[in-house]
Each structure stands twice: as C-alpha cells, then as structure tokens.
Amino acid sequence: TLLAGATGIGYAVGSGVAGRLADLGGHRPAFAVTV
C-alpha cells in the first residue's frame, strides 16, 4: 500500500509540474517531464 501511495503522490507531482510547463510552452515541455 505504501508503493501504491507513492504512485498517487507521483501522479500529483507529475501533473502539477507538467501543467505549469504546458501553460508556458504547450505539450512538448509537459512530455519532457515524462522523459
């Protein structure tokens, strides 16, 4: 369950950071977070 919780926290971090970058430069900076 700790691993599952870590996945949820990571999702929130990823969507938050990528969202800010997407506001600045579109989809490619967001996908750069994935890579």
PDB file of all heavy atoms in Angstrom:
ATOM      1  N   THR A   1       0.825  -1.209   0.000  1.00  0.00           N
ATOM      2  CA  THR A   1       0.000   0.000   0.000  1.00  0.00           C
ATOM      3  C   THR A   1       0.862   1.263   0.000  1.00  0.00           C
ATOM      4  O   THR A   1       0.445   2.297  -0.540  1.00  0.00           O
ATOM      5  CB  THR A   1      -0.946   0.016   1.208  1.00  0.00           C
ATOM      6  OG1 THR A   1      -0.209  -0.272   2.402  1.00  0.00           O
ATOM      7  CG2 THR A   1      -2.032  -1.034   1.050  1.00  0.00           C
ATOM      8  N   LEU A   2       2.056   1.195   0.583  1.00  0.00           N
ATOM      9  CA  LEU A   2       2.963   2.344   0.542  1.00  0.00           C
ATOM     10  C   LEU A   2       3.420   2.607  -0.893  1.00  0.00           C
ATOM     11  O   LEU A   2       3.512   3.765  -1.327  1.00  0.00           O
ATOM     12  CB  LEU A   2       4.167   2.097   1.445  1.00  0.00           C
ATOM     13  CG  LEU A   2       5.094   3.297   1.695  1.00  0.00           C
ATOM     14  CD1 LEU A   2       4.310   4.452   2.298  1.00  0.00           C
ATOM     15  CD2 LEU A   2       6.233   2.894   2.618  1.00  0.00           C
ATOM     16  N   LEU A   3       3.684   1.546  -1.636  1.00  0.00           N
ATOM     17  CA  LEU A   3       4.053   1.708  -3.043  1.00  0.00           C
ATOM     18  C   LEU A   3       2.899   2.322  -3.838  1.00  0.00           C
ATOM     19  O   LEU A   3       3.110   3.181  -4.698  1.00  0.00           O
ATOM     20  CB  LEU A   3       4.443   0.357  -3.645  1.00  0.00           C
ATOM     21  CG  LEU A   3       5.746  -0.265  -3.144  1.00  0.00           C
ATOM     22  CD1 LEU A   3       5.962  -1.624  -3.806  1.00  0.00           C
ATOM     23  CD2 LEU A   3       6.932   0.637  -3.418  1.00  0.00           C
ATOM     24  N   ALA A   4       1.680   1.870  -3.546  1.00  0.00           N
ATOM     25  CA  ALA A   4       0.515   2.444  -4.231  1.00  0.00           C
ATOM     26  C   ALA A   4       0.357   3.916  -3.893  1.00  0.00           C
ATOM     27  O   ALA A   4       0.052   4.743  -4.761  1.00  0.00           O
ATOM     28  CB  ALA A   4      -0.747   1.665  -3.852  1.00  0.00           C
ATOM     29  N   GLY A   5       0.586   4.263  -2.625  1.00  0.00           N
ATOM     30  CA  GLY A   5       0.510   5.661  -2.226  1.00  0.00           C
ATOM     31  C   GLY A   5       1.564   6.512  -2.896  1.00  0.00           C
ATOM     32  O   GLY A   5       1.301   7.652  -3.291  1.00  0.00           O
ATOM     33  N   ALA A   6       2.763   5.961  -3.040  1.00  0.00           N
ATOM     34  CA  ALA A   6       3.836   6.689  -3.718  1.00  0.00           C
ATOM     35  C   ALA A   6       3.472   6.978  -5.166  1.00  0.00           C
ATOM     36  O   ALA A   6       3.799   8.043  -5.709  1.00  0.00           O
ATOM     37  CB  ALA A   6       5.138   5.893  -3.646  1.00  0.00           C
ATOM     38  N   THR A   7       2.763   6.031  -5.799  1.00  0.00           N
ATOM     39  CA  THR A   7       2.317   6.242  -7.182  1.00  0.00           C
ATOM     40  C   THR A   7       1.358   7.426  -7.256  1.00  0.00           C
ATOM     41  O   THR A   7       1.457   8.260  -8.171  1.00  0.00           O
ATOM     42  CB  THR A   7       1.631   4.991  -7.726  1.00  0.00           C
ATOM     43  OG1 THR A   7       2.439   3.845  -7.475  1.00  0.00           O
ATOM     44  CG2 THR A   7       1.396   5.104  -9.230  1.00  0.00           C
ATOM     45  N   GLY A   8       0.441   7.510  -6.302  1.00  0.00           N
ATOM     46  CA  GLY A   8      -0.517   8.615  -6.285  1.00  0.00           C
ATOM     47  C   GLY A   8       0.151   9.958  -6.069  1.00  0.00           C
ATOM     48  O   GLY A   8      -0.194  10.958  -6.722  1.00  0.00           O
ATOM     49  N   ILE A   9       1.127  10.003  -5.162  1.00  0.00           N
ATOM     50  CA  ILE A   9       1.860  11.251  -4.936  1.00  0.00           C
ATOM     51  C   ILE A   9       2.620  11.645  -6.201  1.00  0.00           C
ATOM     52  O   ILE A   9       2.648  12.820  -6.591  1.00  0.00           O
ATOM     53  CB  ILE A   9       2.836  11.095  -3.759  1.00  0.00           C
ATOM     54  CG1 ILE A   9       2.058  10.846  -2.451  1.00  0.00           C
ATOM     55  CG2 ILE A   9       3.719  12.335  -3.634  1.00  0.00           C
ATOM     56  CD1 ILE A   9       1.173  11.981  -2.019  1.00  0.00           C
ATOM     57  N   GLY A  10       3.233  10.658  -6.849  1.00  0.00           N
ATOM     58  CA  GLY A  10       3.965  10.931  -8.082  1.00  0.00           C
ATOM     59  C   GLY A  10       3.054  11.476  -9.171  1.00  0.00           C
ATOM     60  O   GLY A  10       3.437  12.382  -9.929  1.00  0.00           O
ATOM     61  N   TYR A  11       1.845  10.935  -9.247  1.00  0.00           N
ATOM     62  CA  TYR A  11       0.876  11.423 -10.235  1.00  0.00           C
ATOM     63  C   TYR A  11       0.574  12.903  -9.998  1.00  0.00           C
ATOM     64  O   TYR A  11       0.537  13.696 -10.949  1.00  0.00           O
ATOM     65  CB  TYR A  11      -0.405  10.601 -10.158  1.00  0.00           C
ATOM     66  CG  TYR A  11      -1.476  11.060 -11.116  1.00  0.00           C
ATOM     67  CD1 TYR A  11      -1.556  10.548 -12.407  1.00  0.00           C
ATOM     68  CD2 TYR A  11      -2.410  12.029 -10.730  1.00  0.00           C
ATOM     69  CE1 TYR A  11      -2.526  10.975 -13.289  1.00  0.00           C
ATOM     70  CE2 TYR A  11      -3.379  12.460 -11.606  1.00  0.00           C
ATOM     71  CZ  TYR A  11      -3.439  11.934 -12.887  1.00  0.00           C
ATOM     72  OH  TYR A  11      -4.399  12.379 -13.748  1.00  0.00           O
ATOM     73  N   ALA A  12       0.366  13.259  -8.735  1.00  0.00           N
ATOM     74  CA  ALA A  12       0.072  14.656  -8.418  1.00  0.00           C
ATOM     75  C   ALA A  12       1.260  15.553  -8.775  1.00  0.00           C
ATOM     76  O   ALA A  12       1.082  16.648  -9.329  1.00  0.00           O
ATOM     77  CB  ALA A  12      -0.269  14.791  -6.935  1.00  0.00           C
ATOM     78  N   VAL A  13       2.467  15.099  -8.479  1.00  0.00           N
ATOM     79  CA  VAL A  13       3.663  15.881  -8.804  1.00  0.00           C
ATOM     80  C   VAL A  13       3.819  16.020 -10.316  1.00  0.00           C
ATOM     81  O   VAL A  13       4.061  17.121 -10.837  1.00  0.00           O
ATOM     82  CB  VAL A  13       4.918  15.225  -8.198  1.00  0.00           C
ATOM     83  CG1 VAL A  13       6.191  15.903  -8.712  1.00  0.00           C
ATOM     84  CG2 VAL A  13       4.866  15.284  -6.671  1.00  0.00           C
ATOM     85  N   GLY A  14       3.674  14.908 -11.020  1.00  0.00           N
ATOM     86  CA  GLY A  14       3.847  14.925 -12.469  1.00  0.00           C
ATOM     87  C   GLY A  14       2.845  15.813 -13.174  1.00  0.00           C
ATOM     88  O   GLY A  14       3.209  16.618 -14.043  1.00  0.00           O
ATOM     89  N   SER A  15       1.570  15.700 -12.773  1.00  0.00           N
ATOM     90  CA  SER A  15       0.548  16.514 -13.421  1.00  0.00           C
ATOM     91  C   SER A  15       0.720  17.988 -13.072  1.00  0.00           C
ATOM     92  O   SER A  15       0.496  18.867 -13.915  1.00  0.00           O
ATOM     93  CB  SER A  15      -0.845  16.026 -13.028  1.00  0.00           C
ATOM     94  OG  SER A  15      -1.023  16.074 -11.622  1.00  0.00           O
ATOM     95  N   GLY A  16       1.154  18.276 -11.834  1.00  0.00           N
ATOM     96  CA  GLY A  16       1.347  19.665 -11.425  1.00  0.00           C
ATOM     97  C   GLY A  16       2.493  20.334 -12.164  1.00  0.00           C
ATOM     98  O   GLY A  16       2.351  21.435 -12.708  1.00  0.00           O
ATOM     99  N   VAL A  17       3.652  19.658 -12.192  1.00  0.00           N
ATOM    100  CA  VAL A  17       4.819  20.223 -12.875  1.00  0.00           C
ATOM    101  C   VAL A  17       4.564  20.329 -14.373  1.00  0.00           C
ATOM    102  O   VAL A  17       4.842  21.356 -15.005  1.00  0.00           O
ATOM    103  CB  VAL A  17       6.069  19.376 -12.588  1.00  0.00           C
ATOM    104  CG1 VAL A  17       7.255  19.861 -13.430  1.00  0.00           C
ATOM    105  CG2 VAL A  17       6.422  19.426 -11.105  1.00  0.00           C
ATOM    106  N   ALA A  18       4.034  19.266 -14.958  1.00  0.00           N
ATOM    107  CA  ALA A  18       3.771  19.275 -16.396  1.00  0.00           C
ATOM    108  C   ALA A  18       2.719  20.319 -16.756  1.00  0.00           C
ATOM    109  O   ALA A  18       2.791  20.941 -17.832  1.00  0.00           O
ATOM    110  CB  ALA A  18       3.318  17.892 -16.851  1.00  0.00           C
ATOM    111  N   GLY A  19       1.742  20.530 -15.867  1.00  0.00           N
ATOM    112  CA  GLY A  19       0.717  21.528 -16.127  1.00  0.00           C
ATOM    113  C   GLY A  19       1.294  22.930 -16.208  1.00  0.00           C
ATOM    114  O   GLY A  19       0.933  23.721 -17.087  1.00  0.00           O
ATOM    115  N   ARG A  20       2.202  23.241 -15.297  1.00  0.00           N
ATOM    116  CA  ARG A  20       2.843  24.559 -15.330  1.00  0.00           C
ATOM    117  C   ARG A  20       3.661  24.741 -16.605  1.00  0.00           C
ATOM    118  O   ARG A  20       3.636  25.810 -17.237  1.00  0.00           O
ATOM    119  CB  ARG A  20       3.731  24.737 -14.101  1.00  0.00           C
ATOM    120  CG  ARG A  20       2.957  24.930 -12.802  1.00  0.00           C
ATOM    121  CD  ARG A  20       3.884  25.182 -11.629  1.00  0.00           C
ATOM    122  NE  ARG A  20       3.140  25.449 -10.417  1.00  0.00           N
ATOM    123  CZ  ARG A  20       2.699  26.644 -10.038  1.00  0.00           C
ATOM    124  NH1 ARG A  20       2.933  27.696 -10.833  1.00  0.00           N
ATOM    125  NH2 ARG A  20       2.043  26.812  -8.912  1.00  0.00           N
ATOM    126  N   LEU A  21       4.385  23.708 -16.978  1.00  0.00           N
ATOM    127  CA  LEU A  21       5.201  23.794 -18.188  1.00  0.00           C
ATOM    128  C   LEU A  21       4.329  23.867 -19.438  1.00  0.00           C
ATOM    129  O   LEU A  21       4.665  24.549 -20.405  1.00  0.00           O
ATOM    130  CB  LEU A  21       6.146  22.601 -18.265  1.00  0.00           C
ATOM    131  CG  LEU A  21       7.242  22.554 -17.185  1.00  0.00           C
ATOM    132  CD1 LEU A  21       8.071  21.282 -17.326  1.00  0.00           C
ATOM    133  CD2 LEU A  21       8.131  23.781 -17.267  1.00  0.00           C
ATOM    134  N   ALA A  22       3.196  23.159 -19.425  1.00  0.00           N
ATOM    135  CA  ALA A  22       2.288  23.203 -20.574  1.00  0.00           C
ATOM    136  C   ALA A  22       1.700  24.600 -20.753  1.00  0.00           C
ATOM    137  O   ALA A  22       1.487  25.056 -21.879  1.00  0.00           O
ATOM    138  CB  ALA A  22       1.175  22.178 -20.401  1.00  0.00           C
ATOM    139  N   ASP A  23       1.439  25.287 -19.642  1.00  0.00           N
ATOM    140  CA  ASP A  23       0.934  26.660 -19.723  1.00  0.00           C
ATOM    141  C   ASP A  23       1.953  27.575 -20.395  1.00  0.00           C
ATOM    142  O   ASP A  23       1.587  28.524 -21.095  1.00  0.00           O
ATOM    143  CB  ASP A  23       0.616  27.198 -18.328  1.00  0.00           C
ATOM    144  CG  ASP A  23      -0.649  26.580 -17.745  1.00  0.00           C
ATOM    145  OD1 ASP A  23      -1.481  26.089 -18.529  1.00  0.00           O
ATOM    146  OD2 ASP A  23      -0.791  26.585 -16.510  1.00  0.00           O
ATOM    147  N   LEU A  24       3.231  27.272 -20.203  1.00  0.00           N
ATOM    148  CA  LEU A  24       4.284  28.113 -20.768  1.00  0.00           C
ATOM    149  C   LEU A  24       4.632  27.749 -22.207  1.00  0.00           C
ATOM    150  O   LEU A  24       4.907  28.636 -23.024  1.00  0.00           O
ATOM    151  CB  LEU A  24       5.549  28.006 -19.903  1.00  0.00           C
ATOM    152  CG  LEU A  24       5.425  28.518 -18.455  1.00  0.00           C
ATOM    153  CD1 LEU A  24       6.698  28.201 -17.680  1.00  0.00           C
ATOM    154  CD2 LEU A  24       5.143  30.014 -18.437  1.00  0.00           C
ATOM    155  N   GLY A  25       4.625  26.463 -22.521  1.00  0.00           N
ATOM    156  CA  GLY A  25       5.120  26.066 -23.843  1.00  0.00           C
ATOM    157  C   GLY A  25       4.367  24.969 -24.554  1.00  0.00           C
ATOM    158  O   GLY A  25       4.859  24.426 -25.545  1.00  0.00           O
ATOM    159  N   GLY A  26       3.189  24.562 -24.055  1.00  0.00           N
ATOM    160  CA  GLY A  26       2.418  23.552 -24.756  1.00  0.00           C
ATOM    161  C   GLY A  26       2.758  22.133 -24.343  1.00  0.00           C
ATOM    162  O   GLY A  26       3.340  21.892 -23.278  1.00  0.00           O
ATOM    163  N   HIS A  27       2.431  21.175 -25.212  1.00  0.00           N
ATOM    164  CA  HIS A  27       2.526  19.768 -24.841  1.00  0.00           C
ATOM    165  C   HIS A  27       3.954  19.241 -24.741  1.00  0.00           C
ATOM    166  O   HIS A  27       4.228  18.341 -23.955  1.00  0.00           O
ATOM    167  CB  HIS A  27       1.729  18.917 -25.841  1.00  0.00           C
ATOM    168  CG  HIS A  27       2.291  18.926 -27.230  1.00  0.00           C
ATOM    169  ND1 HIS A  27       2.058  19.949 -28.120  1.00  0.00           N
ATOM    170  CD2 HIS A  27       3.087  18.033 -27.889  1.00  0.00           C
ATOM    171  CE1 HIS A  27       2.668  19.683 -29.258  1.00  0.00           C
ATOM    172  NE2 HIS A  27       3.292  18.528 -29.151  1.00  0.00           N
ATOM    173  N   ARG A  28       4.882  19.765 -25.534  1.00  0.00           N
ATOM    174  CA  ARG A  28       6.239  19.196 -25.525  1.00  0.00           C
ATOM    175  C   ARG A  28       6.957  19.367 -24.184  1.00  0.00           C
ATOM    176  O   ARG A  28       7.585  18.410 -23.696  1.00  0.00           O
ATOM    177  CB  ARG A  28       7.054  19.774 -26.683  1.00  0.00           C
ATOM    178  CG  ARG A  28       6.676  19.171 -28.030  1.00  0.00           C
ATOM    179  CD  ARG A  28       7.672  19.510 -29.120  1.00  0.00           C
ATOM    180  NE  ARG A  28       7.336  18.797 -30.349  1.00  0.00           N
ATOM    181  CZ  ARG A  28       6.506  19.249 -31.280  1.00  0.00           C
ATOM    182  NH1 ARG A  28       5.933  20.440 -31.109  1.00  0.00           N
ATOM    183  NH2 ARG A  28       6.241  18.538 -32.354  1.00  0.00           N
ATOM    184  N   PRO A  29       6.920  20.546 -23.551  1.00  0.00           N
ATOM    185  CA  PRO A  29       7.527  20.636 -22.214  1.00  0.00           C
ATOM    186  C   PRO A  29       6.881  19.693 -21.198  1.00  0.00           C
ATOM    187  O   PRO A  29       7.567  19.168 -20.320  1.00  0.00           O
ATOM    188  CB  PRO A  29       7.309  22.108 -21.837  1.00  0.00           C
ATOM    189  CG  PRO A  29       7.177  22.825 -23.130  1.00  0.00           C
ATOM    190  CD  PRO A  29       6.473  21.866 -24.042  1.00  0.00           C
ATOM    191  N   ALA A  30       5.569  19.475 -21.348  1.00  0.00           N
ATOM    192  CA  ALA A  30       4.898  18.538 -20.443  1.00  0.00           C
ATOM    193  C   ALA A  30       5.416  17.122 -20.665  1.00  0.00           C
ATOM    194  O   ALA A  30       5.707  16.389 -19.709  1.00  0.00           O
ATOM    195  CB  ALA A  30       3.387  18.587 -20.661  1.00  0.00           C
ATOM    196  N   PHE A  31       5.546  16.725 -21.930  1.00  0.00           N
ATOM    197  CA  PHE A  31       6.073  15.397 -22.229  1.00  0.00           C
ATOM    198  C   PHE A  31       7.549  15.266 -21.826  1.00  0.00           C
ATOM    199  O   PHE A  31       8.031  14.166 -21.570  1.00  0.00           O
ATOM    200  CB  PHE A  31       5.904  15.084 -23.715  1.00  0.00           C
ATOM    201  CG  PHE A  31       4.497  14.737 -24.107  1.00  0.00           C
ATOM    202  CD1 PHE A  31       3.976  15.162 -25.325  1.00  0.00           C
ATOM    203  CD2 PHE A  31       3.685  13.992 -23.271  1.00  0.00           C
ATOM    204  CE1 PHE A  31       2.678  14.838 -25.706  1.00  0.00           C
ATOM    205  CE2 PHE A  31       2.380  13.661 -23.633  1.00  0.00           C
ATOM    206  CZ  PHE A  31       1.877  14.085 -24.849  1.00  0.00           C
ATOM    207  N   ALA A  32       8.254  16.388 -21.787  1.00  0.00           N
ATOM    208  CA  ALA A  32       9.648  16.345 -21.336  1.00  0.00           C
ATOM    209  C   ALA A  32       9.738  15.883 -19.884  1.00  0.00           C
ATOM    210  O   ALA A  32      10.735  15.254 -19.475  1.00  0.00           O
ATOM    211  CB  ALA A  32      10.297  17.718 -21.494  1.00  0.00           C
ATOM    212  N   VAL A  33       8.700  16.176 -19.090  1.00  0.00           N
ATOM    213  CA  VAL A  33       8.662  15.688 -17.710  1.00  0.00           C
ATOM    214  C   VAL A  33       8.574  14.164 -17.699  1.00  0.00           C
ATOM    215  O   VAL A  33       9.219  13.490 -16.882  1.00  0.00           O
ATOM    216  CB  VAL A  33       7.464  16.308 -16.952  1.00  0.00           C
ATOM    217  CG1 VAL A  33       7.379  15.749 -15.535  1.00  0.00           C
ATOM    218  CG2 VAL A  33       7.592  17.829 -16.924  1.00  0.00           C
ATOM    219  N   THR A  34       7.799  13.594 -18.614  1.00  0.00           N
ATOM    220  CA  THR A  34       7.697  12.135 -18.738  1.00  0.00           C
ATOM    221  C   THR A  34       9.056  11.517 -19.027  1.00  0.00           C
ATOM    222  O   THR A  34       9.482  10.558 -18.367  1.00  0.00           O
ATOM    223  CB  THR A  34       6.716  11.760 -19.867  1.00  0.00           C
ATOM    224  OG1 THR A  34       5.427  12.281 -19.572  1.00  0.00           O
ATOM    225  CG2 THR A  34       6.624  10.254 -20.018  1.00  0.00           C
ATOM    226  N   VAL A  35       9.748  12.057 -20.010  1.00  0.00           N
ATOM    227  CA  VAL A  35      11.051  11.512 -20.415  1.00  0.00           C
ATOM    228  C   VAL A  35      12.075  11.676 -19.297  1.00  0.00           C
ATOM    229  O   VAL A  35      12.883  10.770 -19.025  1.00  0.00           O
ATOM    230  CB  VAL A  35      11.545  12.198 -21.705  1.00  0.00           C
ATOM    231  CG1 VAL A  35      12.897  11.642 -22.122  1.00  0.00           C
ATOM    232  CG2 VAL A  35      10.528  12.011 -22.831  1.00  0.00           C
TER     233      VAL A  35
END
